[in-house]
PDB file of N, CA and C in Angstrom:
ATOM      1  N   MET A   1      81.070  92.538  92.869  1.00  0.00           N
ATOM      2  CA  MET A   1      81.655  93.577  93.979  1.00  0.00           C
ATOM      3  C   MET A   1      82.265  92.607  95.026  1.00  0.00           C
ATOM      4  N   ALA A   2      83.593  93.026  95.341  1.00  0.00           N
ATOM      5  CA  ALA A   2      84.305  92.158  96.268  1.00  0.00           C
ATOM      6  C   ALA A   2      83.870  92.678  97.713  1.00  0.00           C
ATOM      7  N   ALA A   3      83.511  91.812  98.520  1.00  0.00           N
ATOM      8  CA  ALA A   3      82.957  92.159  99.870  1.00  0.00           C
ATOM      9  C   ALA A   3      84.162  92.384 100.837  1.00  0.00           C
ATOM     10  N   ILE A   4      85.316  91.720 100.625  1.00  0.00           N
ATOM     11  CA  ILE A   4      86.412  91.775 101.484  1.00  0.00           C
ATOM     12  C   ILE A   4      87.228  92.833 101.045  1.00  0.00           C
ATOM     13  N   LEU A   5      87.887  93.623 101.786  1.00  0.00           N
ATOM     14  CA  LEU A   5      88.789  94.720 101.441  1.00  0.00           C
ATOM     15  C   LEU A   5      90.208  94.200 101.562  1.00  0.00           C
ATOM     16  N   TYR A   6      90.344  93.929 102.969  1.00  0.00           N
ATOM     17  CA  TYR A   6      91.708  93.402 103.446  1.00  0.00           C
ATOM     18  C   TYR A   6      91.665  92.946 104.781  1.00  0.00           C
ATOM     19  N   PRO A   7      92.593  91.899 105.174  1.00  0.00           N
ATOM     20  CA  PRO A   7      92.709  91.301 106.486  1.00  0.00           C
ATOM     21  C   PRO A   7      93.237  92.519 107.482  1.00  0.00           C
ATOM     22  N   LEU A   8      92.727  92.275 108.633  1.00  0.00           N
ATOM     23  CA  LEU A   8      93.225  93.088 109.705  1.00  0.00           C
ATOM     24  C   LEU A   8      94.448  92.477 110.370  1.00  0.00           C
ATOM     25  N   THR A   9      95.494  93.193 110.708  1.00  0.00           N
ATOM     26  CA  THR A   9      96.645  92.658 111.207  1.00  0.00           C
ATOM     27  C   THR A   9      97.099  93.079 112.578  1.00  0.00           C
ATOM     28  N   THR A  10      96.208  93.565 113.484  1.00  0.00           N
ATOM     29  CA  THR A  10      96.590  94.089 114.749  1.00  0.00           C
ATOM     30  C   THR A  10      96.824  92.971 115.667  1.00  0.00           C
ATOM     31  N   GLU A  11      97.458  93.360 116.634  1.00  0.00           N
ATOM     32  CA  GLU A  11      97.973  92.181 117.611  1.00  0.00           C
ATOM     33  C   GLU A  11      96.811  91.378 118.178  1.00  0.00           C
ATOM     34  N   LYS A  12      95.584  92.128 118.281  1.00  0.00           N
ATOM     35  CA  LYS A  12      94.474  91.413 118.933  1.00  0.00           C
ATOM     36  C   LYS A  12      93.925  90.446 117.763  1.00  0.00           C
ATOM     37  N   ALA A  13      94.026  90.890 116.542  1.00  0.00           N
ATOM     38  CA  ALA A  13      93.506  90.043 115.452  1.00  0.00           C
ATOM     39  C   ALA A  13      94.365  88.849 115.235  1.00  0.00           C
ATOM     40  N   VAL A  14      95.694  88.984 115.245  1.00  0.00           N
ATOM     41  CA  VAL A  14      96.487  87.906 114.983  1.00  0.00           C
ATOM     42  C   VAL A  14      96.417  86.918 116.202  1.00  0.00           C
ATOM     43  N   ALA A  15      96.108  87.523 117.400  1.00  0.00           N
ATOM     44  CA  ALA A  15      96.058  86.529 118.552  1.00  0.00           C
ATOM     45  C   ALA A  15      94.797  85.632 118.422  1.00  0.00           C
ATOM     46  N   GLY A  16      93.638  86.081 117.823  1.00  0.00           N
ATOM     47  CA  GLY A  16      92.549  85.421 117.582  1.00  0.00           C
ATOM     48  C   GLY A  16      92.679  84.345 116.644  1.00  0.00           C
ATOM     49  N   ILE A  17      93.618  84.413 115.780  1.00  0.00           N
ATOM     50  CA  ILE A  17      93.985  83.356 114.664  1.00  0.00           C
ATOM     51  C   ILE A  17      94.250  82.120 115.555  1.00  0.00           C
ATOM     52  N   GLU A  18      95.196  82.192 116.471  1.00  0.00           N
ATOM     53  CA  GLU A  18      95.562  81.022 117.170  1.00  0.00           C
ATOM     54  C   GLU A  18      94.502  80.516 118.238  1.00  0.00           C
ATOM     55  N   ARG A  19      94.038  81.469 118.995  1.00  0.00           N
ATOM     56  CA  ARG A  19      93.179  81.227 120.058  1.00  0.00           C
ATOM     57  C   ARG A  19      91.740  80.822 119.727  1.00  0.00           C
ATOM     58  N   GLU A  20      91.219  81.516 118.804  1.00  0.00           N
ATOM     59  CA  GLU A  20      89.818  81.226 118.483  1.00  0.00           C
ATOM     60  C   GLU A  20      89.606  80.743 116.996  1.00  0.00           C
ATOM     61  N   ASN A  21      90.567  80.428 116.199  1.00  0.00           N
ATOM     62  CA  ASN A  21      90.573  79.918 114.864  1.00  0.00           C
ATOM     63  C   ASN A  21      89.527  80.986 114.099  1.00  0.00           C
ATOM     64  N   LYS A  22      89.969  82.333 114.344  1.00  0.00           N
ATOM     65  CA  LYS A  22      89.204  83.341 113.715  1.00  0.00           C
ATOM     66  C   LYS A  22      90.119  84.309 112.956  1.00  0.00           C
ATOM     67  N   LEU A  23      89.596  84.872 111.842  1.00  0.00           N
ATOM     68  CA  LEU A  23      90.407  85.771 111.114  1.00  0.00           C
ATOM     69  C   LEU A  23      89.492  87.117 111.074  1.00  0.00           C
ATOM     70  N   THR A  24      90.134  88.200 111.054  1.00  0.00           N
ATOM     71  CA  THR A  24      89.338  89.459 110.986  1.00  0.00           C
ATOM     72  C   THR A  24      89.634  90.193 109.688  1.00  0.00           C
ATOM     73  N   PHE A  25      88.680  90.638 108.987  1.00  0.00           N
ATOM     74  CA  PHE A  25      88.615  91.280 107.728  1.00  0.00           C
ATOM     75  C   PHE A  25      87.961  92.653 107.798  1.00  0.00           C
ATOM     76  N   ILE A  26      88.517  93.699 107.106  1.00  0.00           N
ATOM     77  CA  ILE A  26      87.873  94.816 106.801  1.00  0.00           C
ATOM     78  C   ILE A  26      86.803  94.571 105.586  1.00  0.00           C
ATOM     79  N   VAL A  27      85.575  94.836 105.582  1.00  0.00           N
ATOM     80  CA  VAL A  27      84.784  94.600 104.415  1.00  0.00           C
ATOM     81  C   VAL A  27      84.036  95.801 104.111  1.00  0.00           C
ATOM     82  N   GLU A  28      83.385  95.789 102.969  1.00  0.00           N
ATOM     83  CA  GLU A  28      82.597  96.786 102.551  1.00  0.00           C
ATOM     84  C   GLU A  28      81.242  97.014 103.511  1.00  0.00           C
ATOM     85  N   THR A  29      80.939  98.198 103.800  1.00  0.00           N
ATOM     86  CA  THR A  29      79.984  98.514 104.852  1.00  0.00           C
ATOM     87  C   THR A  29      78.688  97.999 104.323  1.00  0.00           C
ATOM     88  N   SER A  30      78.463  97.850 103.007  1.00  0.00           N
ATOM     89  CA  SER A  30      77.268  97.052 102.356  1.00  0.00           C
ATOM     90  C   SER A  30      77.171  95.688 102.484  1.00  0.00           C
ATOM     91  N   ALA A  31      78.365  95.143 102.613  1.00  0.00           N
ATOM     92  CA  ALA A  31      78.436  93.746 102.540  1.00  0.00           C
ATOM     93  C   ALA A  31      77.593  92.919 103.596  1.00  0.00           C
ATOM     94  N   SER A  32      76.851  91.948 103.374  1.00  0.00           N
ATOM     95  CA  SER A  32      76.368  91.223 104.327  1.00  0.00           C
ATOM     96  C   SER A  32      77.104  89.968 104.860  1.00  0.00           C
ATOM     97  N   LYS A  33      76.650  89.361 105.983  1.00  0.00           N
ATOM     98  CA  LYS A  33      77.495  88.191 106.654  1.00  0.00           C
ATOM     99  C   LYS A  33      77.455  87.158 105.465  1.00  0.00           C
ATOM    100  N   LYS A  34      76.386  86.813 104.864  1.00  0.00           N
ATOM    101  CA  LYS A  34      76.238  85.750 103.788  1.00  0.00           C
ATOM    102  C   LYS A  34      77.419  86.047 102.701  1.00  0.00           C
ATOM    103  N   GLN A  35      77.508  87.300 102.169  1.00  0.00           N
ATOM    104  CA  GLN A  35      78.293  87.715 101.156  1.00  0.00           C
ATOM    105  C   GLN A  35      79.809  87.435 101.663  1.00  0.00           C
ATOM    106  N   VAL A  36      79.971  87.823 102.966  1.00  0.00           N
ATOM    107  CA  VAL A  36      81.455  87.639 103.544  1.00  0.00           C
ATOM    108  C   VAL A  36      81.706  86.149 103.692  1.00  0.00           C
ATOM    109  N   ARG A  37      80.767  85.328 104.076  1.00  0.00           N
ATOM    110  CA  ARG A  37      80.829  83.986 104.271  1.00  0.00           C
ATOM    111  C   ARG A  37      81.229  83.379 102.883  1.00  0.00           C
ATOM    112  N   ASP A  38      80.451  83.667 101.878  1.00  0.00           N
ATOM    113  CA  ASP A  38      80.516  83.008 100.520  1.00  0.00           C
ATOM    114  C   ASP A  38      81.911  83.306  99.943  1.00  0.00           C
ATOM    115  N   GLU A  39      82.347  84.598  99.910  1.00  0.00           N
ATOM    116  CA  GLU A  39      83.618  85.026  99.558  1.00  0.00           C
ATOM    117  C   GLU A  39      84.853  84.465 100.188  1.00  0.00           C
ATOM    118  N   VAL A  40      84.792  84.150 101.518  1.00  0.00           N
ATOM    119  CA  VAL A  40      85.825  83.643 102.160  1.00  0.00           C
ATOM    120  C   VAL A  40      85.976  81.997 101.713  1.00  0.00           C
ATOM    121  N   GLU A  41      84.818  81.485 101.776  1.00  0.00           N
ATOM    122  CA  GLU A  41      84.789  79.967 101.451  1.00  0.00           C
ATOM    123  C   GLU A  41      85.304  79.694  99.941  1.00  0.00           C
ATOM    124  N   LYS A  42      84.718  80.742  98.922  1.00  0.00           N
ATOM    125  CA  LYS A  42      85.252  80.707  97.649  1.00  0.00           C
ATOM    126  C   LYS A  42      86.804  80.806  97.401  1.00  0.00           C
ATOM    127  N   GLN A  43      87.140  81.866  98.025  1.00  0.00           N
ATOM    128  CA  GLN A  43      88.522  82.354  97.976  1.00  0.00           C
ATOM    129  C   GLN A  43      89.695  81.560  98.613  1.00  0.00           C
ATOM    130  N   PHE A  44      89.174  80.966  99.659  1.00  0.00           N
ATOM    131  CA  PHE A  44      90.414  80.114 100.673  1.00  0.00           C
ATOM    132  C   PHE A  44      89.937  78.773 100.689  1.00  0.00           C
ATOM    133  N   LYS A  45      88.909  78.499 100.148  1.00  0.00           N
ATOM    134  CA  LYS A  45      88.475  76.888 100.170  1.00  0.00           C
ATOM    135  C   LYS A  45      88.495  76.251 101.492  1.00  0.00           C
ATOM    136  N   GLU A  46      87.875  76.921 102.476  1.00  0.00           N
ATOM    137  CA  GLU A  46      87.654  76.568 103.856  1.00  0.00           C
ATOM    138  C   GLU A  46      86.348  76.818 104.271  1.00  0.00           C
ATOM    139  N   LYS A  47      85.688  75.923 105.060  1.00  0.00           N
ATOM    140  CA  LYS A  47      84.266  75.982 105.583  1.00  0.00           C
ATOM    141  C   LYS A  47      84.294  76.941 106.656  1.00  0.00           C
ATOM    142  N   VAL A  48      83.294  77.887 106.583  1.00  0.00           N
ATOM    143  CA  VAL A  48      83.193  78.994 107.702  1.00  0.00           C
ATOM    144  C   VAL A  48      82.070  78.529 108.643  1.00  0.00           C
ATOM    145  N   ARG A  49      82.456  78.691 109.831  1.00  0.00           N
ATOM    146  CA  ARG A  49      81.435  78.276 110.988  1.00  0.00           C
ATOM    147  C   ARG A  49      80.374  79.533 111.353  1.00  0.00           C
ATOM    148  N   LYS A  50      81.023  80.573 111.472  1.00  0.00           N
ATOM    149  CA  LYS A  50      80.290  81.762 111.881  1.00  0.00           C
ATOM    150  C   LYS A  50      80.923  83.042 111.321  1.00  0.00           C
ATOM    151  N   VAL A  51      80.150  83.980 110.989  1.00  0.00           N
ATOM    152  CA  VAL A  51      80.614  85.388 110.571  1.00  0.00           C
ATOM    153  C   VAL A  51      79.847  86.396 111.640  1.00  0.00           C
ATOM    154  N   THR A  52      80.808  87.195 112.304  1.00  0.00           N
ATOM    155  CA  THR A  52      80.047  88.357 113.111  1.00  0.00           C
ATOM    156  C   THR A  52      80.591  89.701 112.401  1.00  0.00           C
ATOM    157  N   THR A  53      79.824  90.613 112.555  1.00  0.00           N
ATOM    158  CA  THR A  53      80.235  91.875 111.977  1.00  0.00           C
ATOM    159  C   THR A  53      79.968  93.073 113.039  1.00  0.00           C
ATOM    160  N   LEU A  54      80.725  94.060 112.869  1.00  0.00           N
ATOM    161  CA  LEU A  54      80.539  95.268 113.456  1.00  0.00           C
ATOM    162  C   LEU A  54      81.024  96.545 112.588  1.00  0.00           C
ATOM    163  N   ILE A  55      80.403  97.679 112.906  1.00  0.00           N
ATOM    164  CA  ILE A  55      80.855  98.918 112.416  1.00  0.00           C
ATOM    165  C   ILE A  55      81.604  99.672 113.504  1.00  0.00           C
ATOM    166  N   ALA A  56      82.811  99.874 113.330  1.00  0.00           N
ATOM    167  CA  ALA A  56      83.781 100.550 114.180  1.00  0.00           C
ATOM    168  C   ALA A  56      83.317 102.112 114.113  1.00  0.00           C
ATOM    169  N   LEU A  57      83.899 102.740 115.281  1.00  0.00           N
ATOM    170  CA  LEU A  57      83.668 103.975 115.417  1.00  0.00           C
ATOM    171  C   LEU A  57      84.128 104.934 114.215  1.00  0.00           C
ATOM    172  N   ASP A  58      85.281 104.394 113.528  1.00  0.00           N
ATOM    173  CA  ASP A  58      85.773 105.107 112.324  1.00  0.00           C
ATOM    174  C   ASP A  58      85.139 104.884 111.170  1.00  0.00           C
ATOM    175  N   GLY A  59      84.049 103.997 111.083  1.00  0.00           N
ATOM    176  CA  GLY A  59      83.260 103.869 110.009  1.00  0.00           C
ATOM    177  C   GLY A  59      83.484 102.638 109.170  1.00  0.00           C
ATOM    178  N   ARG A  60      84.526 101.881 109.547  1.00  0.00           N
ATOM    179  CA  ARG A  60      84.977 100.773 109.074  1.00  0.00           C
ATOM    180  C   ARG A  60      84.215  99.479 109.511  1.00  0.00           C
ATOM    181  N   LYS A  61      83.672  98.648 108.584  1.00  0.00           N
ATOM    182  CA  LYS A  61      83.070  97.375 108.954  1.00  0.00           C
ATOM    183  C   LYS A  61      84.007  96.205 108.990  1.00  0.00           C
ATOM    184  N   LYS A  62      83.940  95.552 110.284  1.00  0.00           N
ATOM    185  CA  LYS A  62      84.856  94.579 110.461  1.00  0.00           C
ATOM    186  C   LYS A  62      84.043  93.349 110.373  1.00  0.00           C
ATOM    187  N   ALA A  63      84.609  92.223 109.951  1.00  0.00           N
ATOM    188  CA  ALA A  63      83.868  90.866 109.823  1.00  0.00           C
ATOM    189  C   ALA A  63      84.909  89.899 110.488  1.00  0.00           C
ATOM    190  N   PHE A  64      84.360  89.295 111.474  1.00  0.00           N
ATOM    191  CA  PHE A  64      85.119  88.229 112.257  1.00  0.00           C
ATOM    192  C   PHE A  64      84.682  86.783 111.813  1.00  0.00           C
ATOM    193  N   VAL A  65      85.643  86.145 111.050  1.00  0.00           N
ATOM    194  CA  VAL A  65      85.292  84.875 110.420  1.00  0.00           C
ATOM    195  C   VAL A  65      85.783  83.825 111.192  1.00  0.00           C
ATOM    196  N   ARG A  66      84.848  82.773 111.821  1.00  0.00           N
ATOM    197  CA  ARG A  66      85.338  81.678 112.307  1.00  0.00           C
ATOM    198  C   ARG A  66      85.271  80.443 111.556  1.00  0.00           C
ATOM    199  N   PHE A  67      86.273  79.689 111.424  1.00  0.00           N
ATOM    200  CA  PHE A  67      86.231  78.474 110.625  1.00  0.00           C
ATOM    201  C   PHE A  67      85.919  77.159 111.316  1.00  0.00           C
ATOM    202  N   VAL A  68      85.536  76.156 110.592  1.00  0.00           N
ATOM    203  CA  VAL A  68      85.066  74.973 111.092  1.00  0.00           C
ATOM    204  C   VAL A  68      86.274  74.042 111.452  1.00  0.00           C
ATOM    205  N   LYS A  69      87.190  73.854 110.591  1.00  0.00           N
ATOM    206  CA  LYS A  69      88.430  73.030 110.509  1.00  0.00           C
ATOM    207  C   LYS A  69      89.332  73.610 111.738  1.00  0.00           C
ATOM    208  N   PRO A  70      89.754  73.073 112.704  1.00  0.00           N
ATOM    209  CA  PRO A  70      90.735  73.488 113.545  1.00  0.00           C
ATOM    210  C   PRO A  70      92.169  73.803 112.842  1.00  0.00           C
ATOM    211  N   GLY A  71      92.667  74.908 113.114  1.00  0.00           N
ATOM    212  CA  GLY A  71      93.814  75.460 112.296  1.00  0.00           C
ATOM    213  C   GLY A  71      93.614  76.077 110.890  1.00  0.00           C
ATOM    214  N   ALA A  72      92.532  76.139 110.669  1.00  0.00           N
ATOM    215  CA  ALA A  72      92.106  76.612 109.316  1.00  0.00           C
ATOM    216  C   ALA A  72      92.439  78.098 109.212  1.00  0.00           C
ATOM    217  N   ALA A  73      92.205  78.917 110.333  1.00  0.00           N
ATOM    218  CA  ALA A  73      92.666  80.290 110.310  1.00  0.00           C
ATOM    219  C   ALA A  73      94.081  80.497 110.108  1.00  0.00           C
ATOM    220  N   ALA A  74      94.808  79.611 110.681  1.00  0.00           N
ATOM    221  CA  ALA A  74      96.359  79.760 110.554  1.00  0.00           C
ATOM    222  C   ALA A  74      96.705  79.548 109.148  1.00  0.00           C
ATOM    223  N   ASP A  75      96.171  78.560 108.640  1.00  0.00           N
ATOM    224  CA  ASP A  75      96.294  78.114 107.070  1.00  0.00           C
ATOM    225  C   ASP A  75      96.328  79.337 106.207  1.00  0.00           C
ATOM    226  N   VAL A  76      94.950  79.998 106.338  1.00  0.00           N
ATOM    227  CA  VAL A  76      94.689  81.182 105.549  1.00  0.00           C
ATOM    228  C   VAL A  76      95.486  82.160 105.842  1.00  0.00           C
ATOM    229  N   ALA A  77      95.781  82.455 107.046  1.00  0.00           N
ATOM    230  CA  ALA A  77      96.780  83.514 107.357  1.00  0.00           C
ATOM    231  C   ALA A  77      98.015  83.497 106.779  1.00  0.00           C
ATOM    232  N   ALA A  78      98.538  82.121 106.589  1.00  0.00           N
ATOM    233  CA  ALA A  78      99.792  81.912 105.992  1.00  0.00           C
ATOM    234  C   ALA A  78      99.830  82.127 104.616  1.00  0.00           C
ATOM    235  N   LYS A  79      98.594  81.802 103.968  1.00  0.00           N
ATOM    236  CA  LYS A  79      98.291  82.160 102.471  1.00  0.00           C
ATOM    237  C   LYS A  79      98.421  83.660 102.395  1.00  0.00           C
ATOM    238  N   LEU A  80      97.858  84.249 103.232  1.00  0.00           N
ATOM    239  CA  LEU A  80      97.800  85.870 103.220  1.00  0.00           C
ATOM    240  C   LEU A  80      99.154  86.539 103.677  1.00  0.00           C
ATOM    241  N   LYS A  81      99.948  85.657 104.098  1.00  0.00           N
ATOM    242  CA  LYS A  81     101.091  86.171 104.675  1.00  0.00           C
ATOM    243  C   LYS A  81     101.138  87.022 105.852  1.00  0.00           C
ATOM    244  N   ILE A  82     100.008  86.859 106.731  1.00  0.00           N
ATOM    245  CA  ILE A  82      99.850  87.639 107.863  1.00  0.00           C
ATOM    246  C   ILE A  82     100.823  87.008 109.015  1.00  0.00           C
ATOM    247  N   VAL A  83     100.862  85.683 109.201  1.00  0.00           N
ATOM    248  CA  VAL A  83     101.972  85.222 110.248  1.00  0.00           C
ATOM    249  C   VAL A  83     102.854  84.288 109.442  1.00  0.00           C
TER     250      VAL A  83
END
């Protein structure tokens, strides 16, 4: 089962790429932080520092993924064609 559904591309999420080295994904509501971390590291070959999750009012689960290497979020965003 794929934990990650799609990246979030709101203005705030895109600003987090540059400011905080962080990407935001919409994930399965049943996905754990460890599952999200493992999938991001496997798909994008970048080490993850921290994963924070929340369930929004609309019922979607968001995962905020912060990377270890400076600029890694921008590299991954470029691969995903976000920026």
